Amino acid sequence: MIAIGCDHGGYDLKEQVKKHLEEKGFEVKDLGCYSKEAVDYPIYGRAVAKEVAAGTCEKGIVICTTGIGISITANKVRGVRAALCADTLSAKMTRLHNDANVLAMGAGIVGVNLAMEITDTFLSTEFSGAERHQRRIDLIEGEE
């Protein structure tokens, strides 16, 4: 299951990404927001991150206008490695090297078509499992 959440600035893109994922057969847990009414992004970034950290959802996607604030929020939850991606190479490399489990995007930065490509790349790329990358993840997590 994929957890997804956004603020008002990411609402339209969230709805399009959610539809895209469902059409591809993914089960999606929509944690809001549910309209373009102004809301606080930390509420939704944290909600997605908690689902991923708890193991309820395998991965998460968070969206705000730039992706910055919501990614910072998601990264405050232990066990979450949220990566802000505005291109497919970043999405691929963060999965290969960082085993990122939450994708953050900025609705005001990436267009719909690019967002779908970034999402597909993020979800289809497996962690490399290389020792050096796992060692670095352990250092990030504070598990030396």
Foldseek 3Di string as FASTA:
>chain_A
DEEEEEFLQCQVLSVLLVVLCVVVPDDYHYPDDDHNPGDDLLVGLCVRLVCCQVVVHVAYEYEYQAQPVSQVSSVVDQPADEDEDQAQVSLQCCQQQVVHRYYTYHPNRHDNVRVNNSVVSNVVHHHNPDPVSVVVNCVVNVND
